[in-house]
C-alpha cells in the first residue's frame, strides 16, 4: 500500500481482496480518500477530476460521511464494523 499526498492507494485490490485492508487504513487516517487498483487499470487525477484508464475497474472508498466504526475498540475476537462508508466502482473512461 502506498500513500500519495493525502490519499491512500492499494494495489492488486480486487484480485487479493483488499477492501478490508484499505478500509482499516482509512480509519487510521480519517477524511482521506482511498483508491483500489489492480494490475491493469490506472487512475489519472487532474485537480478534482478523476479518470480511470485500462481494462478493469478501479475502486474509490469514501469515508467522509462515516457515522460509526469500532476500529479503535476491537478485541482480538471481534470483526470490524463500519457504517456509511461509500464504495464506488468505476470503469474505463469514467
N, C-alpha and C. Protein backbone atom coordinates (compact mmCIF):
# COMPACT_ATOMS: atom_id res chain seq x y z
N UNK A 1 0.85 -1.16 0.00
CA UNK A 1 0.00 0.00 0.00
C UNK A 1 0.90 1.23 0.00
N UNK A 2 0.52 2.21 -0.77
CA UNK A 2 1.30 3.44 -0.84
C UNK A 2 0.40 4.62 -0.50
N UNK A 3 1.01 5.67 0.01
CA UNK A 3 0.27 6.89 0.30
C UNK A 3 0.83 7.99 -0.58
N UNK A 4 -0.02 8.70 -1.26
CA UNK A 4 0.37 9.76 -2.17
C UNK A 4 -0.32 11.02 -1.73
N UNK A 5 0.43 11.98 -1.28
CA UNK A 5 -0.12 13.21 -0.69
C UNK A 5 -1.06 12.82 0.44
N UNK A 6 -2.34 13.11 0.30
CA UNK A 6 -3.27 12.76 1.38
C UNK A 6 -4.26 11.68 0.93
N UNK A 7 -3.86 10.83 0.03
CA UNK A 7 -4.71 9.74 -0.46
C UNK A 7 -4.06 8.40 -0.12
N UNK A 8 -4.87 7.37 0.06
CA UNK A 8 -4.37 6.01 0.26
C UNK A 8 -4.62 5.23 -1.02
N UNK A 9 -3.59 4.54 -1.49
CA UNK A 9 -3.70 3.75 -2.71
C UNK A 9 -3.27 2.32 -2.40
N UNK A 10 -4.11 1.35 -2.75
CA UNK A 10 -3.79 -0.06 -2.55
C UNK A 10 -3.81 -0.76 -3.90
N UNK A 11 -2.76 -1.53 -4.19
CA UNK A 11 -2.65 -2.21 -5.48
C UNK A 11 -3.09 -3.67 -5.35
N UNK A 12 -3.29 -4.34 -6.48
CA UNK A 12 -3.80 -5.72 -6.54
C UNK A 12 -5.08 -5.83 -5.72
N UNK A 13 -5.91 -4.83 -5.83
CA UNK A 13 -7.03 -4.62 -4.92
C UNK A 13 -8.08 -5.73 -4.99
N UNK A 14 -8.68 -5.95 -6.14
CA UNK A 14 -9.74 -6.96 -6.25
C UNK A 14 -9.16 -8.37 -6.23
N UNK A 15 -8.07 -8.59 -6.95
CA UNK A 15 -7.54 -9.95 -7.05
C UNK A 15 -7.06 -10.49 -5.71
N UNK A 16 -6.64 -9.63 -4.79
CA UNK A 16 -6.19 -10.07 -3.46
C UNK A 16 -7.19 -9.70 -2.36
N UNK A 17 -8.36 -9.27 -2.77
CA UNK A 17 -9.47 -8.98 -1.84
C UNK A 17 -9.02 -8.06 -0.70
N UNK A 18 -8.62 -6.87 -1.04
CA UNK A 18 -8.03 -5.94 -0.08
C UNK A 18 -8.96 -4.82 0.38
N UNK A 19 -10.25 -4.97 0.21
CA UNK A 19 -11.17 -3.93 0.66
C UNK A 19 -11.04 -3.70 2.16
N UNK A 20 -11.02 -4.76 2.95
CA UNK A 20 -10.89 -4.62 4.40
C UNK A 20 -9.61 -3.92 4.80
N UNK A 21 -8.52 -4.24 4.12
CA UNK A 21 -7.23 -3.61 4.41
C UNK A 21 -7.27 -2.12 4.13
N UNK A 22 -7.88 -1.74 3.01
CA UNK A 22 -7.96 -0.32 2.67
C UNK A 22 -8.86 0.43 3.65
N UNK A 23 -9.99 -0.16 4.01
CA UNK A 23 -10.87 0.48 4.99
C UNK A 23 -10.15 0.65 6.32
N UNK A 24 -9.42 -0.35 6.77
CA UNK A 24 -8.66 -0.24 8.03
C UNK A 24 -7.65 0.88 7.96
N UNK A 25 -6.97 1.03 6.84
CA UNK A 25 -6.00 2.12 6.69
C UNK A 25 -6.70 3.48 6.74
N UNK A 26 -7.85 3.57 6.10
CA UNK A 26 -8.58 4.84 6.09
C UNK A 26 -9.10 5.21 7.48
N UNK A 27 -9.47 4.22 8.27
CA UNK A 27 -9.94 4.50 9.63
C UNK A 27 -8.82 5.04 10.52
N UNK A 28 -7.58 4.76 10.16
CA UNK A 28 -6.44 5.29 10.91
C UNK A 28 -6.05 6.69 10.46
N UNK A 29 -6.54 7.10 9.32
CA UNK A 29 -6.24 8.44 8.77
C UNK A 29 -7.54 9.03 8.26
N UNK A 30 -8.41 9.48 9.17
CA UNK A 30 -9.75 9.92 8.76
C UNK A 30 -9.75 11.01 7.70
N UNK A 31 -10.80 10.99 6.90
CA UNK A 31 -11.11 12.03 5.92
C UNK A 31 -10.17 12.07 4.72
N UNK A 32 -9.49 10.94 4.42
CA UNK A 32 -8.74 10.89 3.16
C UNK A 32 -9.42 9.86 2.26
N UNK A 33 -9.40 10.07 0.97
CA UNK A 33 -9.99 9.07 0.07
C UNK A 33 -9.06 7.88 -0.12
N UNK A 34 -9.63 6.74 -0.42
CA UNK A 34 -8.85 5.54 -0.69
C UNK A 34 -9.13 5.04 -2.09
N UNK A 35 -8.09 4.62 -2.78
CA UNK A 35 -8.21 4.12 -4.14
C UNK A 35 -7.70 2.69 -4.20
N UNK A 36 -8.47 1.80 -4.80
CA UNK A 36 -8.05 0.43 -5.00
C UNK A 36 -7.92 0.16 -6.49
N UNK A 37 -6.72 -0.26 -6.90
CA UNK A 37 -6.50 -0.54 -8.32
C UNK A 37 -5.83 -1.91 -8.47
N UNK A 38 -6.06 -2.54 -9.60
CA UNK A 38 -5.41 -3.81 -9.90
C UNK A 38 -4.26 -3.57 -10.87
N UNK A 39 -3.78 -4.65 -11.48
CA UNK A 39 -2.59 -4.56 -12.32
C UNK A 39 -2.82 -3.74 -13.59
N UNK A 40 -3.98 -3.88 -14.21
CA UNK A 40 -4.21 -3.22 -15.49
C UNK A 40 -4.71 -1.78 -15.39
N UNK A 41 -5.69 -1.48 -14.57
CA UNK A 41 -6.20 -0.10 -14.58
C UNK A 41 -5.27 0.89 -13.91
N UNK A 42 -5.50 2.13 -14.22
CA UNK A 42 -4.80 3.25 -13.57
C UNK A 42 -5.81 4.36 -13.38
N UNK A 43 -5.49 5.26 -12.50
CA UNK A 43 -6.33 6.45 -12.32
C UNK A 43 -5.49 7.67 -12.63
N UNK A 44 -6.09 8.60 -13.33
CA UNK A 44 -5.45 9.87 -13.63
C UNK A 44 -6.23 10.94 -12.89
N UNK A 45 -5.54 11.66 -12.02
CA UNK A 45 -6.18 12.71 -11.23
C UNK A 45 -5.68 14.05 -11.72
N UNK A 46 -6.61 14.93 -12.06
CA UNK A 46 -6.28 16.28 -12.51
C UNK A 46 -7.17 17.24 -11.74
N UNK A 47 -6.64 17.82 -10.69
CA UNK A 47 -7.45 18.68 -9.83
C UNK A 47 -8.50 17.86 -9.12
N UNK A 48 -9.77 18.20 -9.33
CA UNK A 48 -10.87 17.46 -8.72
C UNK A 48 -11.42 16.37 -9.64
N UNK A 49 -10.86 16.24 -10.85
CA UNK A 49 -11.35 15.26 -11.82
C UNK A 49 -10.51 13.99 -11.76
N UNK A 50 -11.18 12.85 -11.90
CA UNK A 50 -10.51 11.56 -11.89
C UNK A 50 -10.99 10.77 -13.10
N UNK A 51 -10.05 10.13 -13.81
CA UNK A 51 -10.38 9.29 -14.96
C UNK A 51 -9.74 7.93 -14.77
N UNK A 52 -10.50 6.88 -15.06
CA UNK A 52 -9.98 5.51 -14.99
C UNK A 52 -9.58 5.10 -16.40
N UNK A 53 -8.38 4.55 -16.54
CA UNK A 53 -7.91 4.01 -17.82
C UNK A 53 -7.50 2.56 -17.61
N UNK A 54 -7.64 1.74 -18.66
CA UNK A 54 -7.31 0.33 -18.56
C UNK A 54 -8.56 -0.51 -18.71
N UNK A 55 -8.39 -1.83 -18.69
CA UNK A 55 -9.49 -2.74 -18.99
C UNK A 55 -10.30 -3.16 -17.77
N UNK A 56 -9.83 -2.90 -16.60
CA UNK A 56 -10.57 -3.28 -15.40
C UNK A 56 -11.04 -2.02 -14.68
N UNK A 57 -11.80 -2.20 -13.63
CA UNK A 57 -12.33 -1.08 -12.87
C UNK A 57 -11.39 -0.69 -11.73
N UNK A 58 -11.59 0.49 -11.22
CA UNK A 58 -10.89 0.96 -10.03
C UNK A 58 -11.94 1.25 -8.96
N UNK A 59 -11.54 1.13 -7.72
CA UNK A 59 -12.46 1.37 -6.60
C UNK A 59 -12.05 2.64 -5.87
N UNK A 60 -13.05 3.37 -5.42
CA UNK A 60 -12.81 4.53 -4.57
C UNK A 60 -13.61 4.31 -3.29
N UNK A 61 -12.93 4.41 -2.16
CA UNK A 61 -13.58 4.27 -0.86
C UNK A 61 -13.61 5.66 -0.22
N UNK A 62 -14.81 6.09 0.12
CA UNK A 62 -15.02 7.43 0.67
C UNK A 62 -15.64 7.30 2.06
N UNK A 63 -14.91 7.72 3.07
CA UNK A 63 -15.41 7.63 4.44
C UNK A 63 -15.80 9.00 4.99
N UNK A 64 -15.99 9.97 4.13
CA UNK A 64 -16.26 11.34 4.58
C UNK A 64 -17.59 11.47 5.33
N UNK A 65 -18.51 10.52 5.11
CA UNK A 65 -19.80 10.56 5.81
C UNK A 65 -19.94 9.41 6.80
N UNK A 66 -18.83 8.86 7.25
CA UNK A 66 -18.81 7.77 8.22
C UNK A 66 -19.55 8.19 9.50
N UNK A 67 -20.45 7.34 9.97
CA UNK A 67 -21.20 7.66 11.19
C UNK A 67 -20.81 6.77 12.36
N UNK A 68 -20.19 5.61 12.10
CA UNK A 68 -19.81 4.72 13.19
C UNK A 68 -18.71 3.78 12.74
N UNK A 69 -17.76 3.53 13.63
CA UNK A 69 -16.82 2.43 13.46
C UNK A 69 -16.37 1.97 14.84
N UNK A 70 -16.00 0.70 14.92
CA UNK A 70 -15.49 0.16 16.18
C UNK A 70 -14.01 -0.15 16.10
N UNK A 71 -13.32 0.44 15.15
CA UNK A 71 -11.93 0.10 14.86
C UNK A 71 -11.02 0.22 16.07
N UNK A 72 -11.11 1.30 16.81
CA UNK A 72 -10.21 1.51 17.96
C UNK A 72 -10.67 0.79 19.22
N UNK A 73 -11.78 0.05 19.15
CA UNK A 73 -12.32 -0.65 20.31
C UNK A 73 -12.33 -2.16 20.12
N UNK A 74 -11.74 -2.65 19.05
CA UNK A 74 -11.80 -4.08 18.73
C UNK A 74 -10.97 -4.92 19.69
N UNK A 75 -11.53 -6.06 20.09
CA UNK A 75 -10.72 -7.07 20.76
C UNK A 75 -10.30 -8.09 19.70
N UNK A 76 -9.43 -9.01 20.05
CA UNK A 76 -8.89 -9.94 19.06
C UNK A 76 -9.96 -10.80 18.38
N UNK A 77 -11.04 -11.09 19.08
CA UNK A 77 -12.05 -11.99 18.52
C UNK A 77 -13.22 -11.26 17.85
N UNK A 78 -13.13 -9.95 17.71
CA UNK A 78 -14.20 -9.17 17.09
C UNK A 78 -13.87 -8.83 15.64
N UNK A 79 -14.92 -8.63 14.87
CA UNK A 79 -14.78 -8.16 13.50
C UNK A 79 -15.05 -6.66 13.44
N UNK A 80 -14.48 -6.03 12.44
CA UNK A 80 -14.67 -4.59 12.26
C UNK A 80 -16.11 -4.31 11.84
N UNK A 81 -16.63 -3.19 12.31
CA UNK A 81 -17.96 -2.72 11.91
C UNK A 81 -17.84 -1.25 11.52
N UNK A 82 -18.41 -0.89 10.37
CA UNK A 82 -18.41 0.50 9.92
C UNK A 82 -19.78 0.81 9.32
N UNK A 83 -20.20 2.05 9.45
CA UNK A 83 -21.49 2.48 8.89
C UNK A 83 -21.29 3.72 8.03
N UNK A 84 -21.91 3.72 6.89
CA UNK A 84 -21.96 4.86 5.98
C UNK A 84 -20.65 5.16 5.28
N UNK A 85 -19.92 4.12 4.90
CA UNK A 85 -18.78 4.28 4.01
C UNK A 85 -19.30 4.09 2.59
N UNK A 86 -18.86 4.91 1.66
CA UNK A 86 -19.28 4.79 0.26
C UNK A 86 -18.19 4.05 -0.51
N UNK A 87 -18.63 3.13 -1.38
CA UNK A 87 -17.73 2.40 -2.26
C UNK A 87 -18.17 2.67 -3.69
N UNK A 88 -17.27 3.21 -4.49
CA UNK A 88 -17.55 3.50 -5.90
C UNK A 88 -16.67 2.56 -6.74
N UNK A 89 -17.26 1.87 -7.69
CA UNK A 89 -16.52 1.03 -8.64
C UNK A 89 -16.66 1.71 -10.00
N UNK A 90 -15.54 2.17 -10.53
CA UNK A 90 -15.56 2.96 -11.77
C UNK A 90 -14.81 2.23 -12.87
N UNK A 91 -15.41 2.18 -14.06
CA UNK A 91 -14.78 1.52 -15.20
C UNK A 91 -14.07 2.53 -16.09
N UNK A 92 -13.39 2.01 -17.09
CA UNK A 92 -12.60 2.85 -18.00
C UNK A 92 -13.42 4.01 -18.55
N UNK A 93 -12.83 5.17 -18.55
CA UNK A 93 -13.44 6.36 -19.12
C UNK A 93 -14.33 7.12 -18.17
N UNK A 94 -14.58 6.57 -17.01
CA UNK A 94 -15.45 7.26 -16.06
C UNK A 94 -14.68 8.37 -15.38
